[in-house]
Amino acid sequence: MSAFAAGTALGPALGGFLCDGIGINPTFYLVGASYVGLAAVNSILLSETKPSSIQLPWQKSGDGSEQQVSIRQSFEDALGQWIPLLSTAPIRNV
Protein backbone atom coordinates (compact mmCIF):
# COMPACT_ATOMS: atom_id res chain seq x y z
CA MET A 1 0.00 0.00 0.00
CA SER A 2 1.40 3.37 -0.96
CA ALA A 3 1.81 6.14 1.58
CA PHE A 4 -0.86 8.22 -0.16
CA ALA A 5 -3.40 5.40 0.01
CA ALA A 6 -2.47 4.64 3.61
CA GLY A 7 -2.94 8.28 4.58
CA THR A 8 -6.29 8.41 2.82
CA ALA A 9 -7.45 5.21 4.53
CA LEU A 10 -6.04 5.75 8.01
CA GLY A 11 -6.12 9.56 8.34
CA PRO A 12 -9.83 10.02 9.16
CA ALA A 13 -9.78 7.15 11.67
CA LEU A 14 -6.67 8.46 13.40
CA GLY A 15 -8.12 11.97 13.43
CA GLY A 16 -11.33 10.66 14.98
CA PHE A 17 -9.45 8.85 17.72
CA LEU A 18 -7.39 11.96 18.43
CA CYS A 19 -10.48 14.18 18.59
CA ASP A 20 -12.19 11.78 20.98
CA GLY A 21 -9.10 11.41 23.12
CA ILE A 22 -7.69 14.94 23.37
CA GLY A 23 -10.30 17.22 21.74
CA ILE A 24 -10.62 19.11 18.48
CA ASN A 25 -8.35 22.10 19.26
CA PRO A 26 -5.31 20.09 20.37
CA THR A 27 -5.79 17.81 17.36
CA PHE A 28 -5.82 20.84 15.06
CA TYR A 29 -2.63 22.22 16.63
CA LEU A 30 -0.95 18.81 16.55
CA VAL A 31 -1.68 18.35 12.84
CA GLY A 32 -0.55 21.93 12.09
CA ALA A 33 2.67 21.45 14.04
CA SER A 34 3.34 18.16 12.23
CA TYR A 35 2.91 19.92 8.86
CA VAL A 36 5.32 22.68 9.86
CA GLY A 37 7.79 20.11 11.23
CA LEU A 38 7.66 17.99 8.09
CA ALA A 39 8.09 21.08 5.91
CA ALA A 40 11.21 21.98 7.89
CA VAL A 41 12.59 18.44 7.60
CA ASN A 42 11.87 18.39 3.86
CA SER A 43 13.57 21.73 3.31
CA ILE A 44 16.67 20.50 5.12
CA LEU A 45 16.92 16.96 3.75
CA LEU A 46 15.66 17.33 0.18
CA SER A 47 17.64 19.17 -2.45
CA GLU A 48 16.01 21.47 -4.98
CA THR A 49 15.67 19.88 -8.40
CA LYS A 50 14.19 22.83 -10.25
CA PRO A 51 16.61 24.51 -12.66
CA SER A 52 17.71 27.87 -11.32
CA SER A 53 16.30 30.01 -14.12
CA ILE A 54 13.44 29.14 -16.42
CA GLN A 55 12.07 31.85 -18.65
CA LEU A 56 8.51 31.28 -19.76
CA PRO A 57 7.44 32.57 -23.18
CA TRP A 58 5.51 35.53 -21.77
CA GLN A 59 8.55 36.62 -19.76
CA LYS A 60 10.61 37.36 -22.88
CA SER A 61 10.43 40.54 -24.86
CA GLY A 62 10.08 40.66 -28.64
CA ASP A 63 13.85 40.75 -29.22
CA GLY A 64 14.42 37.62 -27.08
CA SER A 65 15.93 39.39 -24.09
CA GLU A 66 14.69 38.48 -20.65
CA GLN A 67 12.47 40.77 -18.64
CA GLN A 68 10.96 40.58 -15.18
CA VAL A 69 7.18 40.46 -15.20
CA SER A 70 5.24 40.89 -11.99
CA ILE A 71 2.16 38.88 -11.15
CA ARG A 72 0.10 42.05 -11.38
CA GLN A 73 1.36 42.75 -14.91
CA SER A 74 0.62 39.15 -15.94
CA PHE A 75 -2.90 39.41 -14.50
CA GLU A 76 -3.54 42.73 -16.27
CA ASP A 77 -2.28 41.27 -19.56
CA ALA A 78 -4.54 38.24 -19.20
CA LEU A 79 -7.52 40.40 -18.29
CA GLY A 80 -6.77 42.68 -21.22
CA GLN A 81 -6.95 39.68 -23.55
CA TRP A 82 -10.28 38.51 -22.15
CA ILE A 83 -12.11 41.85 -22.20
CA PRO A 84 -12.42 42.04 -26.03
CA LEU A 85 -13.58 38.42 -26.13
CA LEU A 86 -16.24 38.95 -23.50
CA SER A 87 -17.51 42.10 -25.23
CA THR A 88 -18.44 40.00 -28.28
CA ALA A 89 -22.06 38.86 -27.87
CA PRO A 90 -21.78 35.39 -29.50
CA ILE A 91 -18.87 34.45 -27.25
CA ARG A 92 -20.34 36.00 -24.12
CA ASN A 93 -23.63 34.10 -24.46
CA VAL A 94 -22.05 30.67 -24.76
Foldseek 3Di string as FASTA:
>chain_A
DDPVVCCVVCVVVVLVVCCVPPNDVVSVVVVVVVVVVVVVVCVVPPDDPDDPDDADPVQADPVRDGHDDDPVNVVVVVVVVVVVQCVDVVNVVD
